[in-house]
Amino acid sequence: MHKEGDFLAEEKKYLTISQLNHYVGLKFSKDPYLRQVMVVGEISNFRLRPSHQYFSLKDENAEVSVTMFRNDFARVNFQPENGMKVLVIGDVGLYEGRGQYQIRLTHMEPLGIGALYQAFQQLQTKLNQEGLFNPAYKKPLVRYPKRIAVITSPSGAVIRDIITTVKRRYPIVQLVLFPAVVQGQNAAASLVGRLKEVNARGDFDTIIIGRGGGSLEDLWPFNEEAVAREIFASQIPIISSVGHETDTTLSDLVADVRAATPTAAAELATPVLAEEIMRIQQAQLRLQQAVRNTLAAKQQIYQRLMQSYVFTNPLRIYERQIQQVDFLKQNLQQIFGTGLQNRRAWVDNLSQRLQNQSPLTRIHQGQTNIANLQTRLQMAQKRKIEISQANWQRQIGRLDAVSPLKVMQRGYAYVQKKGQVVHSVAELEVGSQVALQLADGSAQAKITEIKGE
């Protein structure tokens, strides 16, 4: 039989549940292979909680509990759902209270998104280094477009939003839809083909390319390198409207302008017609006012000039000179007498030349020249009319000479049978009634004999 002391000694060799779990927890925490473990699995038992998240990851054969604390879950940029496959990174540990091992997650992303996002970042870096995103290559939009090409799905809400907005803002522009596949394996080739087609036509002012919202996989055709390079190569300005405002694709970065929504794209592509008409009317009013002000200022200058001394009394300009000439003449006569007649004639000549320079003399001379030119013009017009009338009479004479009536006046006639002109004796029969058309009338006759040549 065991004594009571022996039972107490043996009891000290047993571990409590807490001690066991704590020991196993230390093993988990000290194992370097259980830190930052990368696991792929399917979400199960997920229910969104206000703080920390507790759910499970499973595959076909097993399941593990996971925990994600509030700070780590705040960095997740998608909404987890049951059945969603995810890629997770975390530390494996033991929840000692239940003796259950679990993964404390520090990162989680949907399966497949990671590879696409990495490809997106790599291609974005490559195109950026080549300068495809450089603002210097961005083409300005045409302010008043006549034709806009829309490359999108014909059945989506994008084209309806664009049509509605354009009709409201700028109904005089022509919208042309180029239907394209915007999702799936054939989407990139379809988009590139439509871009080439629009640029080859060359009769569009703006291109709008885009689609509605969706997942990264749905929007991926607009991240294809071929589509981005074709947008960059376009000679026509392009507005990109892909997904929602929070979505950003390589097409948005390469395009000349990015719009958050299809409605915003239509607003960027077109002005408001009513506002433009009002702006034109205001400019017209300003121009009219400026012209009126200019004319008024010029009219004032004209009135001042017409009221000036030069125009009101043009002869007064020469009065002083004439008086001076007369004074000199008198002085010459008094000093030199009759022996200076030649000098006086010279002075008279200067006086006459001075008078000839008067504006009135030039005006009279100009009026005489105008009258002579008018006379010459009238004579030339009369001569032209006479020549035209003579030519007309000659043409009438020529037409009259070849007139069939002239021929008939020389004794010729033509024969009609039952209202039809007879061209040959083969059309006649003995006894036939015919009508003879002469220059001054007609006569009825009967065929009594037919002779051929």
Protein backbone atom coordinates (compact mmCIF):
# COMPACT_ATOMS: atom_id res chain seq x y z
CA MET A 1 0.00 0.00 0.00
CA HIS A 2 1.12 3.51 -0.83
CA LYS A 3 1.45 5.92 1.94
CA GLU A 4 -0.03 9.42 1.83
CA GLY A 5 3.41 11.00 1.44
CA ASP A 6 4.15 8.84 -1.55
CA PHE A 7 1.00 10.16 -3.32
CA LEU A 8 2.07 13.73 -2.70
CA ALA A 9 5.51 13.08 -4.16
CA GLU A 10 4.10 11.45 -7.25
CA GLU A 11 1.55 14.28 -7.71
CA LYS A 12 4.39 16.77 -8.19
CA LYS A 13 5.49 14.88 -11.36
CA TYR A 14 2.19 15.74 -13.21
CA LEU A 15 1.66 19.00 -15.20
CA THR A 16 -1.44 21.06 -15.03
CA ILE A 17 -3.34 21.86 -18.25
CA SER A 18 -2.22 25.48 -18.03
CA GLN A 19 1.41 24.45 -17.61
CA LEU A 20 1.19 22.10 -20.57
CA ASN A 21 -0.45 24.65 -22.84
CA HIS A 22 2.03 27.33 -21.77
CA TYR A 23 4.95 25.03 -22.53
CA VAL A 24 3.58 24.11 -25.94
CA GLY A 25 2.89 27.82 -26.61
CA LEU A 26 6.53 28.61 -25.92
CA LYS A 27 7.56 25.93 -28.42
CA PHE A 28 5.37 27.53 -31.08
CA SER A 29 6.67 31.02 -30.38
CA LYS A 30 10.34 30.00 -30.45
CA ASP A 31 10.13 27.97 -33.67
CA PRO A 32 11.47 30.22 -36.51
CA TYR A 33 9.66 28.12 -39.13
CA LEU A 34 6.31 29.10 -37.65
CA ARG A 35 6.90 32.88 -38.06
CA GLN A 36 5.52 34.77 -41.08
CA VAL A 37 4.10 31.58 -42.56
CA MET A 38 2.49 32.04 -45.99
CA VAL A 39 -0.71 30.02 -46.40
CA VAL A 40 -3.39 29.73 -49.07
CA GLY A 41 -6.90 28.70 -48.08
CA GLU A 42 -10.62 29.27 -48.23
CA ILE A 43 -12.38 31.58 -45.75
CA SER A 44 -14.90 29.87 -43.49
CA ASN A 45 -17.04 30.96 -40.51
CA PHE A 46 -16.36 34.64 -41.25
CA ARG A 47 -18.57 37.25 -39.59
CA LEU A 48 -17.50 40.87 -39.63
CA ARG A 49 -16.86 42.14 -36.11
CA PRO A 50 -16.34 45.75 -34.97
CA SER A 51 -12.78 45.12 -33.72
CA HIS A 52 -10.73 41.90 -34.03
CA GLN A 53 -11.68 39.22 -36.56
CA TYR A 54 -11.94 35.49 -35.83
CA PHE A 55 -12.59 32.93 -38.55
CA SER A 56 -11.17 29.78 -40.16
CA LEU A 57 -9.16 28.83 -43.23
CA LYS A 58 -9.68 25.46 -44.83
CA ASP A 59 -8.87 23.33 -47.83
CA GLU A 60 -10.27 19.99 -48.99
CA ASN A 61 -8.82 18.06 -46.07
CA ALA A 62 -8.19 20.33 -43.10
CA GLU A 63 -9.09 23.53 -41.26
CA VAL A 64 -7.24 25.98 -39.02
CA SER A 65 -8.41 28.86 -36.85
CA VAL A 66 -7.10 32.33 -37.57
CA THR A 67 -7.13 35.65 -35.76
CA MET A 68 -6.59 39.11 -37.24
CA PHE A 69 -6.33 42.08 -34.90
CA ARG A 70 -7.89 45.44 -35.63
CA ASN A 71 -4.74 47.28 -36.80
CA ASP A 72 -3.81 44.51 -39.25
CA PHE A 73 -7.38 44.14 -40.55
CA ALA A 74 -7.56 47.92 -41.22
CA ARG A 75 -4.93 47.47 -43.94
CA VAL A 76 -7.05 44.91 -45.86
CA ASN A 77 -8.42 46.69 -48.96
CA PHE A 78 -11.22 44.23 -49.77
CA GLN A 79 -14.25 42.74 -48.05
CA PRO A 80 -13.63 39.09 -46.99
CA GLU A 81 -16.44 36.65 -47.67
CA ASN A 82 -17.05 32.99 -46.85
CA GLY A 83 -15.83 30.75 -49.67
CA MET A 84 -13.26 33.30 -50.91
CA LYS A 85 -9.78 31.94 -51.48
CA VAL A 86 -7.08 34.12 -49.98
CA LEU A 87 -3.34 34.38 -49.51
CA VAL A 88 -2.38 35.08 -45.90
CA ILE A 89 0.82 35.72 -43.93
CA GLY A 90 1.04 35.31 -40.15
CA ASP A 91 2.62 33.69 -37.07
CA VAL A 92 1.51 30.25 -35.84
CA GLY A 93 0.79 30.18 -32.12
CA LEU A 94 -1.26 28.50 -29.42
CA TYR A 95 -4.36 29.87 -27.71
CA GLU A 96 -3.56 28.55 -24.25
CA GLY A 97 -7.06 28.99 -22.85
CA ARG A 98 -8.37 26.26 -25.14
CA GLY A 99 -5.21 24.50 -26.09
CA GLN A 100 -5.94 25.24 -29.74
CA TYR A 101 -3.28 26.38 -32.20
CA GLN A 102 -4.08 29.22 -34.57
CA ILE A 103 -2.52 31.67 -37.05
CA ARG A 104 -2.33 35.35 -36.12
CA LEU A 105 -2.60 37.06 -39.54
CA THR A 106 -0.66 40.22 -40.46
CA HIS A 107 -1.55 40.30 -44.18
CA MET A 108 -4.39 39.00 -46.37
CA GLU A 109 -5.24 39.39 -50.04
CA PRO A 110 -7.57 37.60 -52.48
CA LEU A 111 -6.00 34.72 -54.37
CA GLY A 112 -4.96 35.83 -57.86
CA ILE A 113 -5.04 39.53 -57.08
CA GLY A 114 -1.49 39.45 -55.80
CA ALA A 115 -0.03 38.25 -59.11
CA LEU A 116 -2.10 40.70 -61.10
CA TYR A 117 -1.22 43.57 -58.82
CA GLN A 118 2.47 42.70 -59.06
CA ALA A 119 2.21 42.61 -62.86
CA PHE A 120 0.38 45.94 -62.73
CA GLN A 121 3.14 47.56 -60.65
CA GLN A 122 5.92 46.16 -62.84
CA LEU A 123 4.28 47.36 -66.07
CA GLN A 124 3.48 50.71 -64.49
CA THR A 125 7.15 51.17 -63.55
CA LYS A 126 8.26 50.17 -67.04
CA LEU A 127 5.88 52.53 -68.86
CA ASN A 128 6.66 55.35 -66.46
CA GLN A 129 10.38 54.98 -67.13
CA GLU A 130 9.65 55.16 -70.87
CA GLY A 131 7.79 58.44 -70.35
CA LEU A 132 4.29 57.29 -71.29
CA PHE A 133 2.85 59.06 -68.24
CA ASN A 134 4.79 62.28 -68.81
CA PRO A 135 2.42 65.29 -68.81
CA ALA A 136 4.46 66.83 -71.62
CA TYR A 137 2.94 64.28 -74.03
CA LYS A 138 -0.64 64.97 -72.99
CA LYS A 139 -2.66 66.45 -75.85
CA PRO A 140 -5.17 69.22 -75.07
CA LEU A 141 -8.84 68.49 -75.63
CA VAL A 142 -10.68 70.22 -78.46
CA ARG A 143 -12.84 72.90 -76.85
CA TYR A 144 -15.63 72.75 -79.45
CA PRO A 145 -15.68 69.20 -80.84
CA LYS A 146 -17.77 68.29 -83.88
CA ARG A 147 -17.48 64.48 -83.61
CA ILE A 148 -16.68 62.30 -80.59
CA ALA A 149 -15.85 58.59 -80.81
CA VAL A 150 -16.93 56.43 -77.85
CA ILE A 151 -15.19 53.08 -77.45
CA THR A 152 -17.09 50.94 -74.95
CA SER A 153 -19.64 48.17 -74.64
CA PRO A 154 -22.86 48.92 -76.58
CA SER A 155 -25.02 47.47 -73.81
CA GLY A 156 -23.49 49.02 -70.69
CA ALA A 157 -24.54 52.05 -68.67
CA VAL A 158 -21.45 53.95 -69.85
CA ILE A 159 -22.78 54.81 -73.31
CA ARG A 160 -26.21 55.73 -71.89
CA ASP A 161 -24.67 58.12 -69.35
CA ILE A 162 -22.49 59.72 -72.03
CA ILE A 163 -25.39 60.19 -74.46
CA THR A 164 -27.59 61.71 -71.75
CA THR A 165 -24.90 64.14 -70.60
CA VAL A 166 -23.90 65.23 -74.11
CA LYS A 167 -27.51 65.83 -75.17
CA ARG A 168 -27.98 68.03 -72.11
CA ARG A 169 -24.75 70.01 -72.47
CA TYR A 170 -23.80 70.13 -76.16
CA PRO A 171 -26.48 68.58 -78.40
CA ILE A 172 -24.86 69.79 -81.65
CA VAL A 173 -21.92 67.37 -81.36
CA GLN A 174 -22.09 64.00 -83.15
CA LEU A 175 -21.48 60.90 -81.00
CA VAL A 176 -20.30 57.73 -82.77
CA LEU A 177 -20.21 54.45 -80.83
CA PHE A 178 -17.45 51.97 -81.67
CA PRO A 179 -18.62 48.78 -79.90
CA ALA A 180 -15.81 46.91 -78.17
CA VAL A 181 -15.32 43.96 -75.87
CA VAL A 182 -14.36 45.40 -72.46
CA GLN A 183 -13.88 42.23 -70.42
CA GLY A 184 -12.26 38.85 -70.99
CA GLN A 185 -9.45 37.44 -73.11
CA ASN A 186 -10.48 39.15 -76.35
CA ALA A 187 -11.02 42.58 -74.79
CA ALA A 188 -7.48 43.95 -75.25
CA ALA A 189 -7.38 43.07 -78.96
CA SER A 190 -10.85 44.57 -79.44
CA LEU A 191 -9.88 47.84 -77.74
CA VAL A 192 -6.63 48.14 -79.73
CA GLY A 193 -8.51 47.48 -82.98
CA ARG A 194 -11.09 50.16 -82.27
CA LEU A 195 -8.41 52.71 -81.36
CA LYS A 196 -6.59 52.01 -84.63
CA GLU A 197 -9.86 52.30 -86.57
CA VAL A 198 -10.78 55.69 -85.10
CA ASN A 199 -7.30 57.10 -85.71
CA ALA A 200 -7.24 55.73 -89.27
CA ARG A 201 -10.48 57.56 -90.06
CA GLY A 202 -9.06 60.80 -88.70
CA ASP A 203 -12.40 62.64 -88.64
CA PHE A 204 -12.92 62.73 -84.88
CA ASP A 205 -11.95 65.46 -82.43
CA THR A 206 -12.04 63.42 -79.19
CA ILE A 207 -12.09 59.77 -78.09
CA ILE A 208 -13.79 58.52 -74.91
CA ILE A 209 -12.75 55.01 -73.86
CA GLY A 210 -13.96 53.18 -70.78
CA ARG A 211 -16.29 50.79 -69.00
CA GLY A 212 -18.16 50.44 -65.72
CA GLY A 213 -16.80 49.23 -62.42
CA GLY A 214 -15.63 45.74 -61.57
CA SER A 215 -12.90 43.69 -59.97
CA LEU A 216 -9.25 43.97 -60.92
CA GLU A 217 -9.66 40.96 -63.21
CA ASP A 218 -12.66 42.62 -64.92
CA LEU A 219 -10.70 45.84 -65.48
CA TRP A 220 -7.50 44.08 -66.50
CA PRO A 221 -7.85 44.62 -70.30
CA PHE A 222 -7.32 48.32 -69.60
CA ASN A 223 -4.01 47.42 -67.87
CA GLU A 224 -2.69 45.50 -70.89
CA GLU A 225 0.52 46.92 -72.35
CA ALA A 226 -0.86 46.84 -75.92
CA VAL A 227 -3.86 48.98 -74.95
CA ALA A 228 -1.71 51.47 -73.02
CA ARG A 229 0.73 51.88 -75.92
CA GLU A 230 -2.08 52.30 -78.46
CA ILE A 231 -3.63 55.06 -76.32
CA PHE A 232 -0.24 56.79 -76.10
CA ALA A 233 0.20 56.52 -79.91
CA SER A 234 -3.22 58.04 -80.65
CA GLN A 235 -3.15 61.29 -82.63
CA ILE A 236 -6.59 62.17 -81.24
CA PRO A 237 -6.97 63.30 -77.60
CA ILE A 238 -8.33 60.50 -75.39
CA ILE A 239 -10.42 60.66 -72.22
CA SER A 240 -10.25 57.47 -70.13
CA SER A 241 -13.11 56.54 -67.80
CA VAL A 242 -12.53 53.04 -66.44
CA GLY A 243 -14.27 51.68 -63.36
CA HIS A 244 -15.18 53.81 -60.39
CA GLU A 245 -13.41 56.84 -58.98
CA THR A 246 -11.25 54.68 -56.72
CA ASP A 247 -10.09 52.45 -59.60
CA THR A 248 -6.94 53.43 -61.47
CA THR A 249 -5.74 51.61 -64.59
CA LEU A 250 -2.77 52.08 -66.88
CA SER A 251 -5.20 53.40 -69.50
CA ASP A 252 -6.12 56.20 -67.09
CA LEU A 253 -2.45 57.06 -66.55
CA VAL A 254 -1.54 57.06 -70.26
CA ALA A 255 -4.65 58.88 -71.51
CA ASP A 256 -4.57 62.61 -72.06
CA VAL A 257 -7.33 63.14 -69.47
CA ARG A 258 -8.79 60.80 -66.83
CA ALA A 259 -12.44 61.02 -65.82
CA ALA A 260 -13.81 59.47 -62.65
CA THR A 261 -17.15 58.56 -64.26
CA PRO A 262 -18.68 58.38 -67.76
CA THR A 263 -20.70 61.49 -66.94
CA ALA A 264 -17.51 63.34 -66.00
CA ALA A 265 -15.92 62.16 -69.26
CA ALA A 266 -18.78 63.63 -71.28
CA GLU A 267 -18.53 66.88 -69.31
CA LEU A 268 -14.79 67.11 -69.96
CA ALA A 269 -15.30 66.46 -73.68
CA THR A 270 -18.01 69.05 -74.28
CA PRO A 271 -18.77 72.61 -73.24
CA VAL A 272 -22.22 73.84 -72.21
CA LEU A 273 -23.81 75.19 -75.38
CA ALA A 274 -26.00 77.72 -73.56
CA GLU A 275 -22.98 79.13 -71.71
CA GLU A 276 -20.97 79.39 -74.93
CA ILE A 277 -23.81 81.20 -76.70
CA MET A 278 -24.07 83.60 -73.76
CA ARG A 279 -20.30 84.16 -73.87
CA ILE A 280 -20.45 84.91 -77.60
CA GLN A 281 -23.33 87.32 -77.08
CA GLN A 282 -21.43 89.10 -74.33
CA ALA A 283 -18.35 89.35 -76.57
CA GLN A 284 -20.55 90.69 -79.35
CA LEU A 285 -21.97 93.37 -77.07
CA ARG A 286 -18.47 94.34 -75.91
CA LEU A 287 -17.30 94.53 -79.52
CA GLN A 288 -20.26 96.66 -80.54
CA GLN A 289 -19.66 99.00 -77.62
CA ALA A 290 -15.97 99.26 -78.49
CA VAL A 291 -16.82 100.09 -82.13
CA ARG A 292 -19.32 102.72 -81.03
CA ASN A 293 -16.79 104.27 -78.68
CA THR A 294 -14.13 104.29 -81.40
CA LEU A 295 -16.51 105.85 -83.92
CA ALA A 296 -17.56 108.48 -81.42
CA ALA A 297 -13.93 109.38 -80.69
CA LYS A 298 -13.11 109.54 -84.41
CA GLN A 299 -16.21 111.68 -84.99
CA GLN A 300 -15.07 114.13 -82.35
CA ILE A 301 -11.63 114.34 -83.97
CA TYR A 302 -13.26 114.87 -87.36
CA GLN A 303 -15.49 117.65 -86.04
CA ARG A 304 -12.52 119.41 -84.43
CA LEU A 305 -10.56 119.21 -87.68
CA MET A 306 -13.45 120.47 -89.77
CA GLN A 307 -13.85 123.42 -87.39
CA SER A 308 -10.15 124.27 -87.48
CA TYR A 309 -8.84 127.39 -89.10
CA VAL A 310 -7.30 125.54 -92.06
CA PHE A 311 -10.58 124.03 -93.27
CA THR A 312 -12.91 126.95 -92.50
CA ASN A 313 -10.69 129.55 -94.23
CA PRO A 314 -8.24 127.76 -96.53
CA LEU A 315 -7.39 130.95 -98.46
CA ARG A 316 -6.27 132.69 -95.29
CA ILE A 317 -3.20 130.48 -95.30
CA TYR A 318 -1.83 132.39 -98.27
CA GLU A 319 -2.99 135.90 -97.36
CA ARG A 320 0.18 136.76 -95.50
CA GLN A 321 2.36 135.46 -98.33
CA ILE A 322 0.28 137.38 -100.89
CA GLN A 323 0.56 140.56 -98.86
CA GLN A 324 4.30 140.04 -98.60
CA VAL A 325 4.55 139.58 -102.36
CA ASP A 326 2.55 142.77 -102.98
CA PHE A 327 4.74 144.67 -100.54
CA LEU A 328 7.86 143.44 -102.30
CA LYS A 329 6.41 144.39 -105.67
CA GLN A 330 5.75 147.89 -104.48
CA ASN A 331 9.24 148.20 -103.05
CA LEU A 332 10.78 146.96 -106.28
CA GLN A 333 8.75 149.40 -108.33
CA GLN A 334 9.75 152.27 -106.10
CA ILE A 335 13.41 151.34 -106.01
CA PHE A 336 14.09 150.16 -109.54
CA GLY A 337 11.15 151.67 -111.48
CA THR A 338 10.16 150.34 -114.83
CA GLY A 339 13.57 148.77 -115.46
CA LEU A 340 12.67 145.87 -113.18
CA GLN A 341 9.67 144.53 -115.19
CA ASN A 342 11.30 141.17 -115.57
CA ARG A 343 11.72 140.87 -111.86
CA ARG A 344 8.06 141.78 -111.39
CA ALA A 345 7.03 139.15 -113.93
CA TRP A 346 9.07 136.63 -111.99
CA VAL A 347 7.32 137.65 -108.79
CA ASP A 348 3.92 137.41 -110.58
CA ASN A 349 4.86 133.92 -111.72
CA LEU A 350 5.64 132.92 -108.16
CA SER A 351 2.30 134.34 -107.09
CA GLN A 352 0.49 132.34 -109.78
CA ARG A 353 2.28 129.15 -108.80
CA LEU A 354 1.37 129.80 -105.21
CA GLN A 355 -2.29 130.15 -106.17
CA ASN A 356 -2.10 126.98 -108.22
CA GLN A 357 -1.15 125.08 -105.06
CA SER A 358 -4.43 126.13 -103.46
CA PRO A 359 -6.75 123.20 -102.45
CA LEU A 360 -9.57 124.78 -104.46
CA THR A 361 -7.53 124.61 -107.65
CA ARG A 362 -6.76 120.93 -107.08
CA ILE A 363 -10.40 120.22 -106.33
CA HIS A 364 -11.53 121.85 -109.60
CA GLN A 365 -8.89 119.93 -111.52
CA GLY A 366 -9.99 116.65 -109.91
CA GLN A 367 -13.62 117.33 -110.75
CA THR A 368 -12.65 117.99 -114.37
CA ASN A 369 -10.73 114.71 -114.52
CA ILE A 370 -13.72 112.84 -113.08
CA ALA A 371 -16.05 114.37 -115.64
CA ASN A 372 -13.68 113.36 -118.48
CA LEU A 373 -13.44 109.81 -117.15
CA GLN A 374 -17.24 109.57 -116.90
CA THR A 375 -17.60 110.72 -120.50
CA ARG A 376 -15.03 108.17 -121.69
CA LEU A 377 -16.76 105.43 -119.68
CA GLN A 378 -20.17 106.27 -121.21
CA MET A 379 -18.69 106.22 -124.71
CA ALA A 380 -17.00 102.90 -124.05
CA GLN A 381 -20.25 101.42 -122.72
CA LYS A 382 -22.17 102.68 -125.72
CA ARG A 383 -19.59 101.18 -128.07
CA LYS A 384 -19.72 97.85 -126.22
CA ILE A 385 -23.52 97.78 -126.54
CA GLU A 386 -23.34 98.55 -130.25
CA ILE A 387 -20.84 95.75 -130.84
CA SER A 388 -22.99 93.31 -128.84
CA GLN A 389 -26.10 94.30 -130.84
CA ALA A 390 -24.25 93.81 -134.12
CA ASN A 391 -23.07 90.35 -133.00
CA TRP A 392 -26.61 89.49 -131.95
CA GLN A 393 -27.99 90.53 -135.38
CA ARG A 394 -25.37 88.37 -137.11
CA GLN A 395 -26.29 85.37 -134.98
CA ILE A 396 -30.00 85.90 -135.74
CA GLY A 397 -29.16 86.02 -139.44
CA ARG A 398 -27.22 82.77 -139.22
CA LEU A 399 -30.03 81.01 -137.36
CA ASP A 400 -32.59 82.33 -139.84
CA ALA A 401 -30.50 81.02 -142.74
CA VAL A 402 -30.64 77.45 -141.47
CA SER A 403 -34.29 77.62 -140.37
CA PRO A 404 -36.55 74.92 -141.87
CA LEU A 405 -39.10 77.65 -142.71
CA LYS A 406 -36.55 79.30 -145.00
CA VAL A 407 -36.09 76.01 -146.84
CA MET A 408 -39.86 75.61 -147.24
CA GLN A 409 -40.16 79.17 -148.56
CA ARG A 410 -37.98 78.09 -151.47
CA GLY A 411 -40.71 75.65 -152.56
CA TYR A 412 -40.00 72.63 -150.40
CA ALA A 413 -42.58 70.73 -148.34
CA TYR A 414 -42.76 67.65 -146.13
CA VAL A 415 -45.31 64.84 -146.18
CA GLN A 416 -47.22 63.50 -143.18
CA LYS A 417 -49.20 60.30 -143.02
CA LYS A 418 -51.55 59.93 -140.07
CA GLY A 419 -49.66 62.66 -138.25
CA GLN A 420 -46.22 61.02 -138.78
CA VAL A 421 -43.54 62.46 -141.10
CA VAL A 422 -42.91 60.24 -144.16
CA HIS A 423 -39.20 59.62 -144.75
CA SER A 424 -39.37 57.06 -147.61
CA VAL A 425 -41.70 55.93 -150.41
CA ALA A 426 -41.68 52.54 -148.72
CA GLU A 427 -43.96 54.05 -146.10
CA LEU A 428 -46.60 54.95 -148.75
CA GLU A 429 -49.22 52.95 -150.58
CA VAL A 430 -51.28 53.79 -153.65
CA GLY A 431 -54.49 55.37 -152.47
CA SER A 432 -53.04 56.56 -149.16
CA GLN A 433 -54.22 59.94 -147.86
CA VAL A 434 -51.34 62.26 -146.95
CA ALA A 435 -50.92 65.86 -145.78
CA LEU A 436 -48.50 68.26 -147.46
CA GLN A 437 -47.00 70.89 -145.15
CA LEU A 438 -45.94 74.05 -147.06
CA ALA A 439 -44.40 77.31 -145.86
CA ASP A 440 -47.75 79.13 -145.75
CA GLY A 441 -50.15 76.27 -144.97
CA SER A 442 -51.04 72.63 -145.64
CA ALA A 443 -52.90 70.56 -148.26
CA GLN A 444 -54.43 67.06 -148.45
CA ALA A 445 -53.37 64.70 -151.24
CA LYS A 446 -53.92 61.11 -152.38
CA ILE A 447 -51.15 58.81 -153.66
CA THR A 448 -51.91 57.63 -157.18
CA GLU A 449 -48.53 56.29 -158.18
CA ILE A 450 -45.29 55.31 -156.43
CA LYS A 451 -41.90 55.29 -158.12
CA GLY A 452 -38.66 54.25 -156.45
CA GLU A 453 -35.17 55.47 -157.36
